[in-house]
Structures are given as C-alpha cells and as structure tokens.
Amino acid sequence: MHEYSITKGVLNTVIEEAQKAGAKKITEIRLVIGDLSTIIDESVQMYFDILSEGTLAEGAKLAFKRIAAEFKCKECGNIYNKPQSGYNCPECGGMGMPTGVGREFFIESIEVD
C-alpha cells in the first residue's frame, strides 16, 4: 500500500517540474528502483494510471530500471549481487551484509512535449 503515497509523490514532482519547464504533456517518466526497496512496479503503474487521470502526466509511459541488491561478505570481503536464495557469499559461503546498493528509489528523468 505504500506504493500509493510514493506514486502520488512522484506524480506531484513530475507535474511540478514539467510546469516549470513550460511543458504541455509528460510523455515518459524513468524511475530507478532498488530490489531492496520493496516497491512493486505493477503497483506503482496501477496507482499512476489512476492518479494521473486529467493531469499533464495522463498516458505517460513509466519506465522502470531495477538495481540489483549488493552485499559484502563479512568473511572474505567479496562484493556480490544477492543470490536467488539466501544472502551467503557465493565465494566462501560467509554471511553477506547489504552495502546500501539496491535501496534506491528516484526519478531518473522526465520526457515532455
């Protein structure tokens, strides 16, 4: 459900920026989302379709760019992307800790007419 408030914030931001630029229409919004952010693309898309009705952003394409979660092994120092299951290092089997990469959520760019 947190996707609703996130999507509303994105929509408000892109509309404000488009208006500052004198745009008549927003055609595409590129979002960067880290795998650890717990944000679901489909939910953002659904809320965007509803919330953007009647705005400059109505009909705009949402493009999602996913950032893989990155971990660092406490044992050997290896930096790796999260495996399919678990969090252990693929090199030594040690415990991996998140590096912070993969928690991103931001608007990368906006295309307007």
N, C-alpha and C. Protein backbone atom coordinates (compact mmCIF):
# COMPACT_ATOMS: atom_id res chain seq x y z
N MET A 1 0.80 -1.20 0.00
CA MET A 1 0.00 0.00 0.00
C MET A 1 0.85 1.27 0.00
N HIS A 2 2.13 1.17 0.42
CA HIS A 2 2.96 2.36 0.43
C HIS A 2 3.25 2.87 -0.98
N GLU A 3 2.98 2.05 -1.98
CA GLU A 3 3.16 2.49 -3.36
C GLU A 3 2.22 3.64 -3.72
N TYR A 4 1.06 3.70 -3.08
CA TYR A 4 0.11 4.79 -3.34
C TYR A 4 0.75 6.14 -3.01
N SER A 5 1.27 6.28 -1.81
CA SER A 5 1.85 7.57 -1.41
C SER A 5 3.13 7.87 -2.19
N ILE A 6 3.90 6.85 -2.49
CA ILE A 6 5.12 7.04 -3.29
C ILE A 6 4.74 7.52 -4.70
N THR A 7 3.76 6.88 -5.30
CA THR A 7 3.34 7.25 -6.65
C THR A 7 2.76 8.65 -6.67
N LYS A 8 2.00 9.00 -5.65
CA LYS A 8 1.43 10.34 -5.55
C LYS A 8 2.55 11.38 -5.48
N GLY A 9 3.59 11.09 -4.71
CA GLY A 9 4.74 11.98 -4.61
C GLY A 9 5.48 12.13 -5.93
N VAL A 10 5.67 11.02 -6.64
CA VAL A 10 6.32 11.05 -7.95
C VAL A 10 5.49 11.90 -8.91
N LEU A 11 4.20 11.67 -8.94
CA LEU A 11 3.32 12.42 -9.83
C LEU A 11 3.37 13.92 -9.54
N ASN A 12 3.28 14.28 -8.27
CA ASN A 12 3.36 15.70 -7.90
C ASN A 12 4.68 16.32 -8.34
N THR A 13 5.77 15.59 -8.15
CA THR A 13 7.09 16.09 -8.52
C THR A 13 7.23 16.29 -10.02
N VAL A 14 6.82 15.28 -10.81
CA VAL A 14 6.99 15.40 -12.26
C VAL A 14 6.08 16.48 -12.85
N ILE A 15 4.89 16.63 -12.31
CA ILE A 15 3.99 17.68 -12.78
C ILE A 15 4.58 19.06 -12.46
N GLU A 16 5.08 19.22 -11.26
CA GLU A 16 5.69 20.49 -10.87
C GLU A 16 6.88 20.84 -11.77
N GLU A 17 7.74 19.86 -12.03
CA GLU A 17 8.91 20.11 -12.88
C GLU A 17 8.51 20.38 -14.33
N ALA A 18 7.51 19.66 -14.82
CA ALA A 18 7.04 19.87 -16.19
C ALA A 18 6.44 21.27 -16.33
N GLN A 19 5.69 21.70 -15.34
CA GLN A 19 5.10 23.05 -15.38
C GLN A 19 6.18 24.12 -15.36
N LYS A 20 7.23 23.92 -14.56
CA LYS A 20 8.34 24.87 -14.51
C LYS A 20 9.00 25.00 -15.88
N ALA A 21 9.05 23.88 -16.61
CA ALA A 21 9.68 23.86 -17.93
C ALA A 21 8.73 24.33 -19.03
N GLY A 22 7.48 24.61 -18.69
CA GLY A 22 6.51 25.06 -19.67
C GLY A 22 5.99 23.95 -20.56
N ALA A 23 6.08 22.72 -20.11
CA ALA A 23 5.64 21.56 -20.90
C ALA A 23 4.12 21.48 -20.94
N LYS A 24 3.64 20.96 -22.04
CA LYS A 24 2.20 20.76 -22.22
C LYS A 24 1.78 19.34 -21.83
N LYS A 25 2.75 18.40 -21.91
CA LYS A 25 2.44 16.98 -21.66
C LYS A 25 3.71 16.26 -21.22
N ILE A 26 3.53 15.34 -20.29
CA ILE A 26 4.61 14.44 -19.87
C ILE A 26 4.43 13.15 -20.65
N THR A 27 5.48 12.72 -21.36
CA THR A 27 5.35 11.53 -22.20
C THR A 27 5.99 10.28 -21.59
N GLU A 28 7.05 10.48 -20.78
CA GLU A 28 7.71 9.33 -20.17
C GLU A 28 8.37 9.74 -18.86
N ILE A 29 8.31 8.83 -17.90
CA ILE A 29 8.97 9.01 -16.60
C ILE A 29 9.81 7.78 -16.35
N ARG A 30 11.10 7.98 -16.12
CA ARG A 30 12.01 6.86 -15.83
C ARG A 30 12.29 6.82 -14.34
N LEU A 31 11.95 5.70 -13.72
CA LEU A 31 12.15 5.50 -12.29
C LEU A 31 13.23 4.46 -12.05
N VAL A 32 14.09 4.71 -11.09
CA VAL A 32 15.11 3.74 -10.68
C VAL A 32 14.66 3.18 -9.33
N ILE A 33 14.60 1.84 -9.26
CA ILE A 33 14.09 1.17 -8.06
C ILE A 33 15.06 0.05 -7.67
N GLY A 34 15.56 0.13 -6.47
CA GLY A 34 16.42 -0.93 -5.95
C GLY A 34 15.61 -2.13 -5.51
N ASP A 35 16.19 -3.31 -5.68
CA ASP A 35 15.48 -4.54 -5.32
C ASP A 35 15.15 -4.65 -3.83
N LEU A 36 15.89 -3.94 -2.98
CA LEU A 36 15.62 -3.98 -1.54
C LEU A 36 14.62 -2.91 -1.10
N SER A 37 14.13 -2.12 -2.03
CA SER A 37 13.23 -1.02 -1.68
C SER A 37 11.82 -1.50 -1.35
N THR A 38 11.47 -2.68 -1.70
CA THR A 38 10.13 -3.30 -1.51
C THR A 38 9.05 -2.63 -2.35
N ILE A 39 9.43 -1.83 -3.32
CA ILE A 39 8.46 -1.17 -4.20
C ILE A 39 8.16 -2.11 -5.37
N ILE A 40 6.88 -2.31 -5.64
CA ILE A 40 6.45 -3.22 -6.69
C ILE A 40 6.04 -2.41 -7.92
N ASP A 41 6.72 -2.66 -9.04
CA ASP A 41 6.48 -1.92 -10.28
C ASP A 41 5.01 -1.89 -10.67
N GLU A 42 4.37 -3.04 -10.63
CA GLU A 42 2.98 -3.14 -11.07
C GLU A 42 2.05 -2.28 -10.22
N SER A 43 2.33 -2.19 -8.93
CA SER A 43 1.51 -1.36 -8.05
C SER A 43 1.71 0.12 -8.36
N VAL A 44 2.94 0.52 -8.59
CA VAL A 44 3.22 1.91 -8.97
C VAL A 44 2.49 2.24 -10.27
N GLN A 45 2.55 1.33 -11.24
CA GLN A 45 1.89 1.54 -12.53
C GLN A 45 0.38 1.69 -12.34
N MET A 46 -0.21 0.81 -11.53
CA MET A 46 -1.66 0.85 -11.31
C MET A 46 -2.07 2.18 -10.67
N TYR A 47 -1.38 2.58 -9.62
CA TYR A 47 -1.71 3.85 -8.96
C TYR A 47 -1.45 5.04 -9.88
N PHE A 48 -0.38 4.96 -10.66
CA PHE A 48 -0.07 6.06 -11.58
C PHE A 48 -1.20 6.23 -12.59
N ASP A 49 -1.67 5.14 -13.15
CA ASP A 49 -2.75 5.20 -14.14
C ASP A 49 -3.99 5.88 -13.56
N ILE A 50 -4.28 5.61 -12.31
CA ILE A 50 -5.45 6.19 -11.65
C ILE A 50 -5.20 7.65 -11.29
N LEU A 51 -4.09 7.92 -10.63
CA LEU A 51 -3.81 9.27 -10.12
C LEU A 51 -3.50 10.28 -11.21
N SER A 52 -2.99 9.82 -12.34
CA SER A 52 -2.59 10.76 -13.40
C SER A 52 -3.75 11.20 -14.30
N GLU A 53 -4.91 10.58 -14.14
CA GLU A 53 -6.05 10.95 -14.98
C GLU A 53 -6.34 12.45 -14.87
N GLY A 54 -6.46 13.11 -16.02
CA GLY A 54 -6.78 14.53 -16.06
C GLY A 54 -5.60 15.45 -15.77
N THR A 55 -4.38 14.91 -15.71
CA THR A 55 -3.19 15.72 -15.44
C THR A 55 -2.28 15.76 -16.67
N LEU A 56 -1.21 16.53 -16.59
CA LEU A 56 -0.20 16.57 -17.66
C LEU A 56 0.43 15.20 -17.90
N ALA A 57 0.38 14.35 -16.90
CA ALA A 57 1.04 13.05 -16.98
C ALA A 57 0.13 11.92 -17.46
N GLU A 58 -1.13 12.22 -17.71
CA GLU A 58 -2.04 11.17 -18.16
C GLU A 58 -1.51 10.53 -19.44
N GLY A 59 -1.43 9.22 -19.45
CA GLY A 59 -0.96 8.49 -20.62
C GLY A 59 0.56 8.38 -20.72
N ALA A 60 1.29 8.99 -19.79
CA ALA A 60 2.75 8.91 -19.83
C ALA A 60 3.20 7.47 -19.59
N LYS A 61 4.29 7.12 -20.24
CA LYS A 61 4.87 5.79 -20.05
C LYS A 61 5.77 5.81 -18.82
N LEU A 62 5.62 4.81 -17.97
CA LEU A 62 6.55 4.63 -16.85
C LEU A 62 7.57 3.60 -17.26
N ALA A 63 8.84 3.95 -17.15
CA ALA A 63 9.93 3.01 -17.45
C ALA A 63 10.64 2.72 -16.13
N PHE A 64 10.74 1.44 -15.80
CA PHE A 64 11.34 1.03 -14.54
C PHE A 64 12.74 0.46 -14.78
N LYS A 65 13.70 0.96 -14.05
CA LYS A 65 15.07 0.43 -14.11
C LYS A 65 15.36 -0.14 -12.72
N ARG A 66 15.60 -1.43 -12.68
CA ARG A 66 15.86 -2.13 -11.42
C ARG A 66 17.35 -2.17 -11.11
N ILE A 67 17.69 -1.93 -9.84
CA ILE A 67 19.06 -2.02 -9.37
C ILE A 67 19.16 -3.24 -8.45
N ALA A 68 20.06 -4.14 -8.78
CA ALA A 68 20.23 -5.37 -8.00
C ALA A 68 20.78 -5.06 -6.61
N ALA A 69 20.33 -5.82 -5.64
CA ALA A 69 20.82 -5.69 -4.27
C ALA A 69 22.26 -6.17 -4.20
N GLU A 70 23.10 -5.39 -3.55
CA GLU A 70 24.53 -5.71 -3.44
C GLU A 70 24.88 -6.02 -1.98
N PHE A 71 25.69 -7.05 -1.80
CA PHE A 71 26.11 -7.48 -0.47
C PHE A 71 27.62 -7.58 -0.40
N LYS A 72 28.15 -7.46 0.83
CA LYS A 72 29.59 -7.64 1.06
C LYS A 72 29.75 -8.72 2.11
N CYS A 73 30.58 -9.69 1.79
CA CYS A 73 30.82 -10.81 2.69
C CYS A 73 31.63 -10.34 3.90
N LYS A 74 31.16 -10.70 5.10
CA LYS A 74 31.89 -10.35 6.33
C LYS A 74 33.16 -11.18 6.48
N GLU A 75 33.21 -12.33 5.82
CA GLU A 75 34.35 -13.23 5.95
C GLU A 75 35.50 -12.89 5.00
N CYS A 76 35.18 -12.81 3.70
CA CYS A 76 36.24 -12.64 2.69
C CYS A 76 36.24 -11.28 2.02
N GLY A 77 35.21 -10.46 2.27
CA GLY A 77 35.16 -9.13 1.69
C GLY A 77 34.62 -9.08 0.26
N ASN A 78 34.23 -10.22 -0.28
CA ASN A 78 33.69 -10.27 -1.64
C ASN A 78 32.41 -9.44 -1.72
N ILE A 79 32.30 -8.64 -2.78
CA ILE A 79 31.08 -7.88 -3.05
C ILE A 79 30.34 -8.59 -4.17
N TYR A 80 29.04 -8.84 -3.95
CA TYR A 80 28.27 -9.64 -4.90
C TYR A 80 26.81 -9.21 -4.89
N ASN A 81 26.11 -9.53 -5.97
CA ASN A 81 24.66 -9.32 -6.03
C ASN A 81 23.98 -10.44 -5.29
N LYS A 82 22.84 -10.12 -4.69
CA LYS A 82 22.10 -11.11 -3.90
C LYS A 82 21.80 -12.34 -4.74
N PRO A 83 22.15 -13.51 -4.19
CA PRO A 83 21.81 -14.77 -4.89
C PRO A 83 20.30 -14.99 -4.94
N GLN A 84 19.85 -15.94 -5.76
CA GLN A 84 18.42 -16.27 -5.87
C GLN A 84 17.82 -16.56 -4.50
N SER A 85 18.52 -17.33 -3.69
CA SER A 85 18.01 -17.63 -2.35
C SER A 85 19.11 -17.38 -1.33
N GLY A 86 18.72 -16.87 -0.20
CA GLY A 86 19.67 -16.60 0.87
C GLY A 86 20.50 -15.35 0.61
N TYR A 87 21.49 -15.16 1.47
CA TYR A 87 22.33 -13.98 1.40
C TYR A 87 23.82 -14.33 1.47
N ASN A 88 24.12 -15.61 1.51
CA ASN A 88 25.50 -16.04 1.71
C ASN A 88 26.38 -15.79 0.49
N CYS A 89 27.64 -15.55 0.76
CA CYS A 89 28.65 -15.27 -0.27
C CYS A 89 28.81 -16.46 -1.20
N PRO A 90 28.79 -16.23 -2.51
CA PRO A 90 28.97 -17.33 -3.45
C PRO A 90 30.43 -17.83 -3.49
N GLU A 91 31.36 -17.06 -2.95
CA GLU A 91 32.77 -17.45 -2.95
C GLU A 91 33.12 -18.35 -1.77
N CYS A 92 32.74 -17.92 -0.55
CA CYS A 92 33.16 -18.66 0.64
C CYS A 92 32.01 -19.16 1.50
N GLY A 93 30.78 -18.73 1.20
CA GLY A 93 29.62 -19.16 1.99
C GLY A 93 29.39 -18.33 3.23
N GLY A 94 30.23 -17.31 3.45
CA GLY A 94 30.09 -16.45 4.63
C GLY A 94 28.85 -15.58 4.56
N MET A 95 28.55 -14.96 5.69
CA MET A 95 27.37 -14.10 5.81
C MET A 95 27.61 -12.79 5.06
N GLY A 96 26.65 -12.43 4.21
CA GLY A 96 26.72 -11.16 3.48
C GLY A 96 25.90 -10.09 4.15
N MET A 97 26.38 -8.87 4.08
CA MET A 97 25.68 -7.71 4.65
C MET A 97 25.37 -6.73 3.52
N PRO A 98 24.19 -6.11 3.54
CA PRO A 98 23.85 -5.14 2.49
C PRO A 98 24.85 -3.97 2.47
N THR A 99 25.20 -3.53 1.26
CA THR A 99 26.11 -2.39 1.12
C THR A 99 25.35 -1.08 1.02
N GLY A 100 24.06 -1.14 0.79
CA GLY A 100 23.25 0.05 0.56
C GLY A 100 22.80 0.13 -0.88
N VAL A 101 23.55 -0.50 -1.79
CA VAL A 101 23.14 -0.56 -3.19
C VAL A 101 21.95 -1.51 -3.29
N GLY A 102 20.88 -1.03 -3.90
CA GLY A 102 19.67 -1.83 -4.01
C GLY A 102 18.52 -1.26 -3.21
N ARG A 103 18.76 -0.15 -2.52
CA ARG A 103 17.68 0.51 -1.75
C ARG A 103 17.17 1.76 -2.47
N GLU A 104 17.67 2.02 -3.66
CA GLU A 104 17.35 3.25 -4.38
C GLU A 104 15.87 3.36 -4.75
N PHE A 105 15.43 4.58 -4.82
CA PHE A 105 14.17 4.92 -5.45
C PHE A 105 14.24 6.39 -5.81
N PHE A 106 14.27 6.67 -7.10
CA PHE A 106 14.29 8.06 -7.53
C PHE A 106 13.84 8.19 -8.98
N ILE A 107 13.49 9.43 -9.33
CA ILE A 107 13.11 9.74 -10.70
C ILE A 107 14.41 10.02 -11.45
N GLU A 108 14.69 9.21 -12.45
CA GLU A 108 15.91 9.39 -13.24
C GLU A 108 15.75 10.51 -14.27
N SER A 109 14.59 10.52 -14.94
CA SER A 109 14.37 11.55 -15.94
C SER A 109 12.90 11.63 -16.30
N ILE A 110 12.55 12.75 -16.93
CA ILE A 110 11.19 13.00 -17.39
C ILE A 110 11.27 13.49 -18.82
N GLU A 111 10.46 12.93 -19.71
CA GLU A 111 10.37 13.43 -21.09
C GLU A 111 9.05 14.16 -21.22
N VAL A 112 9.12 15.32 -21.87
CA VAL A 112 7.92 16.16 -22.02
C VAL A 112 7.79 16.66 -23.46
N ASP A 113 6.60 17.12 -23.79
CA ASP A 113 6.34 17.81 -25.06
C ASP A 113 5.99 19.24 -24.74
